[in-house]
Protein backbone atom coordinates (compact mmCIF):
# COMPACT_ATOMS: atom_id res chain seq x y z
CA MET A 1 -62.32 51.37 -61.67
CA THR A 2 -63.60 49.45 -58.65
CA ALA A 3 -65.73 51.28 -56.12
CA THR A 4 -64.69 50.92 -52.50
CA VAL A 5 -67.44 49.84 -50.15
CA LEU A 6 -67.07 51.38 -46.73
CA SER A 7 -68.35 49.34 -43.81
CA PRO A 8 -70.28 51.27 -41.19
CA ALA A 9 -68.17 52.54 -38.34
CA ALA A 10 -68.23 50.40 -35.24
CA PRO A 11 -70.07 52.03 -32.33
CA PRO A 12 -67.77 53.59 -29.72
CA ARG A 13 -66.84 51.46 -26.73
CA ALA A 14 -67.75 52.62 -23.27
CA GLY A 15 -65.12 53.85 -20.84
CA ALA A 16 -64.75 53.88 -17.06
CA ARG A 17 -67.40 56.58 -16.59
CA ALA A 18 -70.04 54.41 -18.25
CA TRP A 19 -69.24 51.46 -15.99
CA LEU A 20 -69.54 53.73 -12.95
CA GLY A 21 -72.88 54.84 -14.35
CA LEU A 22 -73.90 51.18 -14.56
CA ALA A 23 -73.19 50.85 -10.83
CA VAL A 24 -75.64 53.71 -10.23
CA LEU A 25 -78.30 52.05 -12.42
CA PHE A 26 -77.80 48.76 -10.58
CA LEU A 27 -78.86 50.25 -7.24
CA PRO A 28 -82.55 51.03 -8.04
CA THR A 29 -82.96 47.51 -9.44
CA LEU A 30 -81.48 46.02 -6.28
CA LEU A 31 -83.59 48.22 -4.03
CA VAL A 32 -86.91 47.56 -5.77
CA ALA A 33 -86.29 43.79 -5.58
CA ILE A 34 -85.48 44.01 -1.86
CA ASP A 35 -88.59 46.14 -1.32
CA ASN A 36 -90.83 43.52 -2.94
CA THR A 37 -89.45 40.75 -0.71
CA VAL A 38 -89.26 42.37 2.71
CA LEU A 39 -92.86 43.59 2.78
CA GLY A 40 -94.16 40.02 3.08
CA PHE A 41 -92.02 39.49 6.18
CA ALA A 42 -93.17 42.82 7.67
CA LEU A 43 -96.92 42.23 7.22
CA PRO A 44 -97.47 40.48 10.59
CA ALA A 45 -95.80 43.38 12.43
CA ILE A 46 -97.74 45.94 10.34
CA SER A 47 -101.01 44.14 11.13
CA GLU A 48 -100.25 44.21 14.85
CA ALA A 49 -99.22 47.88 14.88
CA LEU A 50 -101.81 49.44 12.54
CA ALA A 51 -104.68 46.92 12.87
CA PRO A 52 -105.77 47.13 9.22
CA SER A 53 -109.03 45.54 8.13
CA ALA A 54 -108.84 42.56 5.76
CA VAL A 55 -109.55 44.87 2.82
CA GLN A 56 -106.93 47.40 3.93
CA GLN A 57 -104.31 44.67 4.35
CA LEU A 58 -105.04 43.46 0.83
CA TRP A 59 -104.60 46.98 -0.52
CA ILE A 60 -101.34 47.49 1.39
CA VAL A 61 -99.96 44.61 -0.68
CA ASP A 62 -101.80 45.16 -3.98
CA VAL A 63 -101.91 48.92 -4.53
CA TYR A 64 -98.20 49.16 -5.33
CA PRO A 65 -98.20 46.69 -8.29
CA LEU A 66 -101.54 48.06 -9.53
CA VAL A 67 -100.23 51.63 -9.80
CA LEU A 68 -96.80 50.50 -11.01
CA ALA A 69 -98.16 48.29 -13.80
CA GLY A 70 -100.61 50.95 -14.91
CA LEU A 71 -97.96 53.65 -15.25
CA LEU A 72 -94.90 51.83 -16.65
CA VAL A 73 -95.77 52.53 -20.30
CA THR A 74 -96.53 56.17 -19.54
CA MET A 75 -93.35 56.71 -17.56
CA GLY A 76 -91.18 54.93 -20.14
CA THR A 77 -92.57 57.15 -22.87
CA LEU A 78 -92.31 60.23 -20.64
CA GLY A 79 -88.60 59.46 -20.23
CA ASP A 80 -88.21 59.37 -24.01
CA ARG A 81 -89.73 62.85 -24.14
CA ILE A 82 -88.40 64.82 -21.15
CA GLY A 83 -85.17 62.88 -20.63
CA ARG A 84 -84.43 59.48 -19.10
CA ARG A 85 -82.00 60.78 -16.49
CA ARG A 86 -84.44 63.48 -15.42
CA THR A 87 -87.25 60.92 -15.10
CA LEU A 88 -85.00 58.59 -13.10
CA LEU A 89 -83.87 61.30 -10.68
CA ILE A 90 -87.43 62.55 -10.14
CA GLY A 91 -88.48 58.97 -9.44
CA VAL A 92 -85.58 58.43 -7.04
CA ALA A 93 -86.31 61.63 -5.10
CA GLY A 94 -90.02 60.82 -4.87
CA PHE A 95 -89.45 57.18 -3.92
CA GLY A 96 -87.09 58.18 -1.12
CA ALA A 97 -89.42 60.86 0.26
CA VAL A 98 -92.48 58.58 0.20
CA SER A 99 -90.49 55.73 1.81
CA LEU A 100 -89.78 58.09 4.71
CA ALA A 101 -93.48 58.90 4.99
CA ALA A 102 -94.44 55.20 4.79
CA ALA A 103 -92.05 54.29 7.60
CA PHE A 104 -93.90 56.58 10.00
CA SER A 105 -97.47 55.78 8.87
CA THR A 106 -99.90 56.25 11.74
CA ASP A 107 -102.75 54.15 10.34
CA ALA A 108 -103.52 51.68 7.57
CA ALA A 109 -105.04 54.28 5.22
CA HIS A 110 -101.85 56.35 5.46
CA LEU A 111 -99.76 53.30 4.52
CA VAL A 112 -102.03 52.40 1.58
CA ALA A 113 -101.67 55.95 0.22
CA ALA A 114 -97.89 55.80 0.67
CA ARG A 115 -97.71 52.45 -1.16
CA ALA A 116 -99.71 53.93 -4.04
CA LEU A 117 -97.25 56.83 -4.31
CA LEU A 118 -94.34 54.37 -4.17
CA GLY A 119 -95.90 52.68 -7.21
CA PHE A 120 -96.15 56.07 -8.98
CA PHE A 121 -92.50 56.95 -8.46
CA GLY A 122 -91.35 53.34 -8.84
CA ALA A 123 -92.77 53.34 -12.36
CA MET A 124 -90.25 56.06 -13.23
CA LEU A 125 -87.26 54.01 -12.13
CA MET A 126 -87.05 50.75 -14.05
CA PRO A 127 -87.77 51.84 -17.67
CA ALA A 128 -85.35 54.74 -17.26
CA THR A 129 -82.54 52.54 -15.93
CA LEU A 130 -82.79 50.04 -18.79
CA ALA A 131 -83.14 52.77 -21.44
CA LEU A 132 -80.06 54.59 -20.11
CA LEU A 133 -78.03 51.40 -20.58
CA ARG A 134 -78.44 51.79 -24.32
CA THR A 135 -77.08 55.34 -24.12
CA LEU A 136 -74.15 54.35 -21.92
CA PHE A 137 -73.21 51.25 -23.96
CA PRO A 138 -73.71 51.69 -27.72
CA ASP A 139 -71.45 48.69 -28.40
CA ARG A 140 -73.63 45.55 -28.52
CA GLY A 141 -71.08 43.26 -26.85
CA GLN A 142 -70.48 45.62 -23.94
CA ARG A 143 -74.21 46.24 -23.62
CA ARG A 144 -74.93 42.51 -23.27
CA LEU A 145 -72.54 42.37 -20.31
CA ALA A 146 -73.99 45.58 -18.86
CA VAL A 147 -77.55 44.24 -19.14
CA ALA A 148 -76.42 40.99 -17.48
CA ILE A 149 -74.96 42.92 -14.54
CA TRP A 150 -78.05 45.17 -14.34
CA ALA A 151 -80.38 42.15 -14.36
CA THR A 152 -78.52 40.54 -11.47
CA GLY A 153 -79.91 43.34 -9.30
CA PHE A 154 -83.29 41.57 -9.31
CA ALA A 155 -81.73 38.29 -8.20
CA ALA A 156 -79.44 39.94 -5.65
CA GLY A 157 -82.33 41.91 -4.18
CA ALA A 158 -84.57 38.86 -3.97
CA ALA A 159 -81.71 36.94 -2.33
CA VAL A 160 -80.80 39.46 0.34
CA GLY A 161 -84.38 40.69 0.87
CA PRO A 162 -85.36 37.95 3.36
CA ILE A 163 -82.02 38.34 5.14
CA VAL A 164 -82.31 42.13 5.33
CA GLY A 165 -85.95 41.83 6.38
CA GLY A 166 -85.14 39.28 9.06
CA LEU A 167 -82.36 41.43 10.52
CA LEU A 168 -84.37 44.66 10.43
CA LEU A 169 -87.48 43.12 11.98
CA THR A 170 -85.40 41.41 14.67
CA HIS A 171 -83.81 44.66 15.85
CA TYR A 172 -86.18 47.47 14.72
CA TRP A 173 -89.85 48.26 14.16
CA TRP A 174 -91.69 47.46 10.90
CA GLY A 175 -91.08 50.95 9.46
CA ALA A 176 -87.38 50.11 9.08
CA VAL A 177 -88.17 48.08 5.94
CA PHE A 178 -89.20 51.37 4.27
CA LEU A 179 -86.66 53.60 6.02
CA VAL A 180 -83.75 51.58 4.61
CA ASN A 181 -84.64 52.99 1.16
CA VAL A 182 -83.85 56.58 2.09
CA PRO A 183 -80.02 56.62 2.33
CA LEU A 184 -79.68 54.52 -0.83
CA MET A 185 -82.00 56.85 -2.72
CA LEU A 186 -79.94 59.85 -1.59
CA LEU A 187 -76.79 58.11 -2.86
CA ILE A 188 -78.41 57.36 -6.24
CA LEU A 189 -79.62 60.96 -6.49
CA VAL A 190 -76.13 62.42 -5.99
CA LEU A 191 -74.19 59.91 -8.12
CA GLY A 192 -76.82 59.85 -10.88
CA ALA A 193 -76.66 63.61 -11.33
CA VAL A 194 -72.87 63.36 -11.76
CA LEU A 195 -72.33 60.14 -13.72
CA LEU A 196 -75.40 59.59 -15.91
CA PRO A 197 -75.81 61.30 -19.31
CA GLU A 198 -79.12 62.74 -20.43
CA SER A 199 -80.87 61.23 -23.44
CA ARG A 200 -84.26 61.75 -25.06
CA MET A 201 -86.09 61.57 -28.37
CA ALA A 202 -84.95 64.12 -30.95
CA ALA A 203 -88.49 65.26 -31.80
CA PRO A 204 -90.75 63.93 -29.05
CA GLY A 205 -94.02 65.73 -29.77
CA ARG A 206 -96.70 66.27 -27.15
CA LEU A 207 -97.71 63.70 -24.56
CA ASP A 208 -101.13 62.16 -25.25
CA PRO A 209 -103.31 62.56 -22.10
CA LEU A 210 -106.08 60.32 -23.44
CA GLY A 211 -103.50 57.66 -24.27
CA VAL A 212 -102.20 57.90 -20.68
CA LEU A 213 -105.71 57.37 -19.31
CA LEU A 214 -106.36 54.41 -21.62
CA SER A 215 -103.06 52.76 -20.68
CA LEU A 216 -103.96 53.11 -16.99
CA LEU A 217 -107.39 51.63 -17.62
CA ALA A 218 -105.87 48.78 -19.61
CA MET A 219 -103.16 47.73 -17.15
CA GLY A 220 -104.51 48.57 -13.67
CA PRO A 221 -107.87 46.74 -13.97
CA ALA A 222 -106.18 43.78 -15.68
CA VAL A 223 -103.87 43.30 -12.69
CA LEU A 224 -106.83 43.83 -10.33
CA ALA A 225 -108.87 41.18 -12.19
CA VAL A 226 -106.10 38.59 -11.88
CA LYS A 227 -105.62 39.29 -8.18
CA THR A 228 -109.38 39.23 -7.51
CA VAL A 229 -109.84 35.88 -9.25
CA ALA A 230 -106.87 34.49 -7.32
CA HIS A 231 -108.34 35.57 -3.98
CA ASP A 232 -112.12 35.31 -4.47
CA GLY A 233 -112.66 33.31 -7.65
CA ILE A 234 -114.64 34.63 -10.62
CA THR A 235 -116.70 37.52 -9.25
CA ALA A 236 -118.63 40.42 -10.76
CA THR A 237 -115.77 42.74 -9.77
CA ALA A 238 -113.21 40.58 -11.57
CA VAL A 239 -115.33 40.29 -14.72
CA LEU A 240 -116.01 44.05 -14.80
CA ALA A 241 -112.31 44.85 -14.29
CA LEU A 242 -111.34 42.47 -17.10
CA LEU A 243 -113.92 44.00 -19.47
CA VAL A 244 -112.68 47.52 -18.68
CA ALA A 245 -109.09 46.42 -19.28
CA ALA A 246 -109.88 44.69 -22.58
CA ALA A 247 -111.97 47.57 -23.94
CA SER A 248 -109.33 50.12 -22.90
CA ALA A 249 -106.54 48.07 -24.50
CA VAL A 250 -108.44 47.93 -27.81
CA LEU A 251 -109.09 51.68 -27.72
CA PHE A 252 -105.46 52.35 -26.77
CA VAL A 253 -104.16 50.41 -29.79
CA ARG A 254 -106.67 52.06 -32.15
CA ARG A 255 -105.76 55.53 -30.88
CA ALA A 256 -102.03 54.82 -31.22
CA ARG A 257 -102.49 53.62 -34.82
CA ALA A 258 -104.65 56.63 -35.66
CA ARG A 259 -102.02 59.04 -34.30
CA ILE A 260 -99.27 57.27 -36.27
CA ALA A 261 -101.37 57.49 -39.45
CA ALA A 262 -101.90 61.22 -38.81
CA GLY A 263 -98.16 61.79 -38.37
CA GLU A 264 -98.49 62.38 -34.61
CA GLU A 265 -96.56 60.75 -31.79
CA PRO A 266 -98.51 58.06 -29.89
CA LEU A 267 -98.00 57.31 -26.22
CA LEU A 268 -96.58 53.92 -27.24
CA ASP A 269 -95.53 53.06 -30.77
CA VAL A 270 -97.53 49.85 -31.19
CA THR A 271 -95.69 49.11 -34.44
CA LEU A 272 -92.78 48.00 -32.20
CA PHE A 273 -94.74 44.79 -31.67
CA ALA A 274 -94.34 43.95 -35.36
CA SER A 275 -90.95 42.58 -34.31
CA PRO A 276 -91.28 38.92 -33.24
CA VAL A 277 -88.08 39.39 -31.22
CA LEU A 278 -89.70 42.10 -29.08
CA ARG A 279 -93.00 40.22 -28.69
CA LEU A 280 -91.46 36.89 -27.77
CA SER A 281 -88.74 38.43 -25.60
CA ALA A 282 -91.45 40.23 -23.60
CA LEU A 283 -93.34 36.92 -23.28
CA ALA A 284 -90.17 35.21 -22.03
CA ASN A 285 -89.56 38.06 -19.54
CA ALA A 286 -93.07 37.63 -18.15
CA THR A 287 -92.50 33.88 -17.86
CA THR A 288 -89.21 34.24 -15.97
CA MET A 289 -90.89 36.48 -13.39
CA PHE A 290 -93.81 34.04 -13.28
CA ALA A 291 -91.30 31.33 -12.40
CA LEU A 292 -89.44 33.42 -9.80
CA THR A 293 -92.45 34.76 -7.90
CA GLY A 294 -94.23 31.43 -8.01
CA LEU A 295 -91.20 29.63 -6.58
CA LEU A 296 -90.80 32.22 -3.83
CA PHE A 297 -94.51 32.01 -3.01
CA PHE A 298 -94.68 28.31 -2.26
CA SER A 299 -91.08 27.62 -1.19
CA ALA A 300 -91.09 30.41 1.41
CA GLN A 301 -94.28 29.04 2.98
CA HIS A 302 -92.88 25.50 3.04
CA LEU A 303 -89.61 26.61 4.61
CA LEU A 304 -91.27 28.84 7.22
CA LEU A 305 -94.50 26.98 8.06
CA VAL A 306 -93.75 23.34 7.25
CA ALA A 307 -89.99 22.99 7.80
CA GLY A 308 -90.15 25.51 10.68
CA LEU A 309 -87.16 27.64 9.64
CA ASP A 310 -86.89 31.29 10.67
CA PRO A 311 -86.84 33.99 7.92
CA LEU A 312 -83.06 34.30 7.97
CA ASP A 313 -82.46 30.56 7.56
CA ALA A 314 -85.16 30.35 4.88
CA GLY A 315 -83.42 33.12 2.96
CA LEU A 316 -80.10 31.29 3.23
CA VAL A 317 -81.65 28.12 1.75
CA LEU A 318 -82.70 30.04 -1.36
CA LEU A 319 -79.53 32.16 -1.53
CA PRO A 320 -77.56 29.76 -3.81
CA GLY A 321 -80.38 29.91 -6.35
CA PHE A 322 -80.28 33.69 -6.55
CA ALA A 323 -76.49 33.66 -6.70
CA THR A 324 -76.77 31.25 -9.64
CA THR A 325 -79.07 33.75 -11.37
CA MET A 326 -76.32 36.35 -11.22
CA VAL A 327 -73.64 33.98 -12.50
CA ALA A 328 -75.89 32.66 -15.29
CA GLY A 329 -76.63 36.20 -16.42
CA LEU A 330 -72.94 36.95 -16.81
CA VAL A 331 -72.33 33.64 -18.63
CA ALA A 332 -75.29 34.36 -20.93
CA SER A 333 -73.64 37.54 -22.24
CA ARG A 334 -70.78 35.35 -23.53
CA LEU A 335 -72.96 32.54 -24.82
CA ALA A 336 -74.92 35.08 -26.88
CA ARG A 337 -71.86 35.53 -29.09
CA ARG A 338 -72.13 31.90 -30.24
CA PHE A 339 -75.78 30.90 -29.88
CA PRO A 340 -78.90 32.69 -31.16
CA LEU A 341 -81.86 33.91 -29.14
CA ARG A 342 -84.03 31.01 -30.32
CA VAL A 343 -81.64 28.56 -28.60
CA LEU A 344 -80.69 30.37 -25.39
CA VAL A 345 -84.11 31.60 -24.28
CA PRO A 346 -85.90 28.23 -24.61
CA ALA A 347 -82.90 26.58 -22.92
CA GLY A 348 -83.28 28.96 -19.98
CA LEU A 349 -87.02 28.31 -19.71
CA LEU A 350 -86.49 24.54 -19.84
CA LEU A 351 -83.91 24.79 -17.05
CA ALA A 352 -86.47 26.64 -14.93
CA ALA A 353 -89.07 23.97 -15.79
CA ALA A 354 -86.64 21.29 -14.57
CA GLY A 355 -86.33 23.17 -11.29
CA TYR A 356 -90.10 23.21 -10.92
CA LEU A 357 -90.27 19.46 -11.53
CA LEU A 358 -87.76 18.97 -8.73
CA ALA A 359 -89.76 21.28 -6.44
CA ALA A 360 -92.81 19.02 -6.88
CA THR A 361 -91.33 17.08 -3.94
CA PRO A 362 -90.97 19.93 -1.43
CA GLU A 363 -88.07 19.21 0.90
CA VAL A 364 -85.49 21.72 2.10
CA GLY A 365 -82.58 20.21 0.15
CA LEU A 366 -84.60 19.67 -3.03
CA LEU A 367 -85.99 23.22 -2.88
CA ALA A 368 -82.44 24.57 -2.64
CA VAL A 369 -81.43 22.62 -5.78
CA ALA A 370 -84.68 23.61 -7.52
CA ALA A 371 -83.92 27.27 -6.78
CA VAL A 372 -80.48 26.83 -8.40
CA LEU A 373 -82.03 25.39 -11.58
CA VAL A 374 -84.73 28.06 -11.73
CA GLY A 375 -82.13 30.76 -11.04
CA ALA A 376 -79.87 29.46 -13.82
CA GLY A 377 -82.76 29.44 -16.26
CA ILE A 378 -83.89 32.95 -15.34
CA GLY A 379 -80.36 34.37 -15.56
CA LEU A 380 -79.78 32.75 -18.94
CA SER A 381 -83.08 33.90 -20.42
CA GLU A 382 -83.70 37.40 -19.09
CA THR A 383 -80.24 38.76 -19.89
CA ILE A 384 -80.61 37.85 -23.55
CA THR A 385 -84.22 39.03 -23.85
CA ASN A 386 -83.56 42.44 -22.32
CA ASP A 387 -80.68 43.05 -24.71
CA ALA A 388 -82.77 41.80 -27.64
CA ILE A 389 -85.61 44.20 -26.77
CA LEU A 390 -83.23 47.17 -26.68
CA ALA A 391 -81.60 46.13 -29.96
CA ALA A 392 -84.91 45.52 -31.76
CA VAL A 393 -85.99 49.20 -31.66
CA PRO A 394 -84.48 52.53 -32.72
CA ALA A 395 -82.38 54.24 -30.06
CA ASP A 396 -84.92 57.04 -29.51
CA ARG A 397 -87.55 54.44 -28.59
CA ALA A 398 -85.44 52.87 -25.85
CA GLY A 399 -87.70 54.15 -23.07
CA SER A 400 -90.84 52.76 -24.69
CA ALA A 401 -89.17 49.40 -25.34
CA SER A 402 -87.87 49.30 -21.77
CA ALA A 403 -91.38 50.01 -20.50
CA VAL A 404 -92.66 47.03 -22.51
CA SER A 405 -90.00 44.84 -20.88
CA GLU A 406 -90.78 46.11 -17.38
CA THR A 407 -94.54 45.78 -17.91
CA ALA A 408 -93.94 42.17 -18.91
CA TYR A 409 -92.01 41.67 -15.67
CA GLU A 410 -94.86 43.10 -13.60
CA ILE A 411 -97.52 41.04 -15.37
CA GLY A 412 -95.41 37.91 -14.92
CA ALA A 413 -94.92 38.67 -11.22
CA VAL A 414 -98.66 39.16 -10.69
CA LEU A 415 -99.53 36.00 -12.63
CA GLY A 416 -96.88 33.96 -10.81
CA THR A 417 -98.47 34.68 -7.45
CA ALA A 418 -102.07 34.77 -8.66
CA VAL A 419 -102.20 31.75 -10.98
CA LEU A 420 -99.87 29.42 -9.10
CA GLY A 421 -101.21 30.71 -5.80
CA SER A 422 -104.76 29.89 -6.91
CA VAL A 423 -103.77 26.37 -7.96
CA LEU A 424 -102.01 25.84 -4.63
CA ALA A 425 -104.93 27.26 -2.63
CA ALA A 426 -107.46 25.04 -4.44
CA ALA A 427 -105.36 21.91 -3.95
CA TYR A 428 -104.75 22.80 -0.29
CA ARG A 429 -108.42 23.40 0.47
CA ALA A 430 -109.35 20.10 -1.16
CA GLY A 431 -106.85 18.18 0.97
CA VAL A 432 -106.93 19.73 4.45
CA VAL A 433 -109.06 18.00 7.07
CA VAL A 434 -110.28 20.10 10.01
CA PRO A 435 -111.36 18.22 13.18
CA THR A 436 -115.04 18.65 13.95
CA SER A 437 -114.24 19.99 17.43
CA ILE A 438 -112.83 23.20 15.95
CA GLY A 439 -115.34 26.02 15.67
CA PRO A 440 -116.52 27.60 12.40
CA ASP A 441 -114.21 30.63 12.59
CA GLY A 442 -111.15 28.48 13.16
CA ALA A 443 -112.26 26.03 10.47
CA ASP A 444 -112.68 28.85 7.94
CA ALA A 445 -109.20 30.21 8.69
CA ALA A 446 -107.67 26.72 8.48
CA HIS A 447 -109.32 26.04 5.12
CA GLU A 448 -108.23 29.41 3.72
CA THR A 449 -104.43 29.22 4.09
CA LEU A 450 -101.66 27.19 5.68
CA GLY A 451 -100.86 30.21 7.87
CA GLY A 452 -104.46 30.23 9.07
CA ALA A 453 -104.24 26.53 9.91
CA VAL A 454 -100.99 27.00 11.82
CA GLY A 455 -102.52 29.86 13.82
CA THR A 456 -105.69 27.87 14.56
CA ALA A 457 -103.71 24.77 15.57
CA ALA A 458 -101.69 26.85 18.05
CA ARG A 459 -104.93 27.79 19.84
CA VAL A 460 -106.32 24.24 19.95
CA PRO A 461 -104.74 22.07 22.67
CA GLY A 462 -104.10 18.37 22.50
CA HIS A 463 -104.59 15.86 19.72
CA ASP A 464 -106.98 17.93 17.56
CA GLY A 465 -104.54 20.81 17.20
CA GLN A 466 -101.73 18.47 16.17
CA ALA A 467 -104.04 16.58 13.79
CA LEU A 468 -105.02 19.84 12.09
CA LEU A 469 -101.37 20.91 11.80
CA ASP A 470 -100.32 17.56 10.31
CA SER A 471 -103.20 17.57 7.84
CA ALA A 472 -102.59 21.18 6.78
CA ARG A 473 -98.89 20.61 6.18
CA ALA A 474 -99.53 17.42 4.20
CA ALA A 475 -102.24 19.15 2.14
CA PHE A 476 -99.97 22.10 1.47
CA ASP A 477 -97.08 19.95 0.26
CA ALA A 478 -99.43 17.91 -1.93
CA GLY A 479 -100.67 21.22 -3.37
CA VAL A 480 -97.09 22.30 -4.02
CA GLY A 481 -96.63 19.14 -6.10
CA VAL A 482 -99.62 20.01 -8.30
CA THR A 483 -98.60 23.67 -8.50
CA ALA A 484 -95.03 22.85 -9.52
CA LEU A 485 -96.24 20.60 -12.33
CA VAL A 486 -98.55 23.35 -13.62
CA GLY A 487 -95.68 25.86 -13.51
CA ALA A 488 -93.37 23.47 -15.34
CA ALA A 489 -95.99 22.94 -18.06
CA VAL A 490 -96.35 26.70 -18.56
CA MET A 491 -92.59 27.13 -18.98
CA VAL A 492 -92.29 24.23 -21.43
CA ALA A 493 -95.16 25.68 -23.48
CA VAL A 494 -93.59 29.15 -23.62
CA ALA A 495 -90.20 27.65 -24.52
CA ALA A 496 -91.85 25.91 -27.48
CA VAL A 497 -93.61 29.11 -28.58
CA VAL A 498 -90.34 31.08 -28.47
CA ALA A 499 -88.37 28.39 -30.32
CA LEU A 500 -90.99 28.13 -33.08
CA GLY A 501 -91.61 31.87 -33.29
CA LEU A 502 -87.91 32.68 -33.71
CA ARG A 503 -86.99 29.84 -36.08
CA PRO A 504 -85.11 30.90 -39.25
CA GLY A 505 -87.34 32.25 -41.97
CA VAL A 506 -90.03 33.38 -39.53
CA SER A 507 -88.51 36.08 -37.34
CA ARG A 508 -87.06 39.35 -38.40
CA THR A 509 -85.74 42.16 -36.27
CA GLY A 510 -85.36 45.69 -37.35
CA VAL A 511 -81.64 45.45 -36.72
CA SER A 512 -79.86 42.58 -38.35
CA GLY A 513 -82.58 40.38 -39.75
CA THR A 514 -81.71 37.42 -37.52
CA PRO A 515 -82.70 36.84 -33.93
CA ARG A 516 -79.56 36.73 -31.88
């Protein structure tokens, strides 16, 4: 008598309600991406209205990613415990309320505090949205498409951010860039309560307060160290922050392993990193954000300060690149049925590297084409990696895995601006020539940034002002060439690491045994 082998039942396919839920999860992604872009355009108006000191202006920009990066792991794990929908809705309500407060800030300290609270509530949003996708779409094929659509929110937000910022700042005061969050957050709050299901770990255990503290001390100072080195070079503050981060990270891992050995629930299950798919997908995620933020950093300055475009026109130049990101993400969900992870992710990174090589000659037309190549590479890579991260862990760890993915995004974004920005700044300072007739204050500002040189040149009449402007623009574009080559080299190196790390016989996932 022959025994019948029953194949496991296929996971249920999502219906119309799940796709409506996806639309709700798309909105926070879109909004956070817009928020990141428009602040840069609003800084001149904020500086004029609130008169922040140099330190306060730095904190207005930096406090949000510092708090966000430090809390992503905690908030992802909190969602696993108390419920991902509940965490998302709390984050949405808080983000909307604090955006309202930020819009009407009366001084710089008020705005810094509001930005810190935006980072706190923002950390609740992204891990919860990605984790809920796994609940809404148990079928792997549908989930790939859903993740592709969700990921396009980053590209769409980055694309429309300069346009939205330009329109708002043309017609309203600087607070409008925060106020625009409020109605969208109210919409998400109402629709999310109706359309999104609740999901959490079956037996979550107690939250580990010491683990929370150690994760904060590992991530926050690490981001601070990178930003400090980028702005001031290697200083005692940067070294101390890096030492605190490294020591806290070691203690965090040891504590997590000790709790696992004792049968207790750690803040983050560090055994998830035993999966090469998760490790290398997180590395690829960080690299895609490195590529995106780096490209935005130097291309925006070229378009605005060298080519002389206004913010709206500059946004339109880059718009095809972000649109390509969205299309590539959707195409990637289909390509993943035929090609494995080890092929698609390196291919995406190499496409982005090709875009950087093209950007080494910064001209408006070439930057537009470079943005298309970088956008195609990002869309191809990040869609596949996000799905792979979700698939590489048990369903009840979806929040923790999502937090790993989002933390990688934040680290990549910080490094993109800090590392490539430092290379660009060093090359610029080495190349700019300031006429001797310009005083020390003007010379310092001109040596510091292209924006400082443009401002100084505007105050210096005649030949010397034009000579400074010409020199600064030439030095900046030469620096862009060096920076683009460094960025391309980083992406080629990561593509090689991913291809080798996921080759057959080396990688194993906890799901199917093959990296797809």
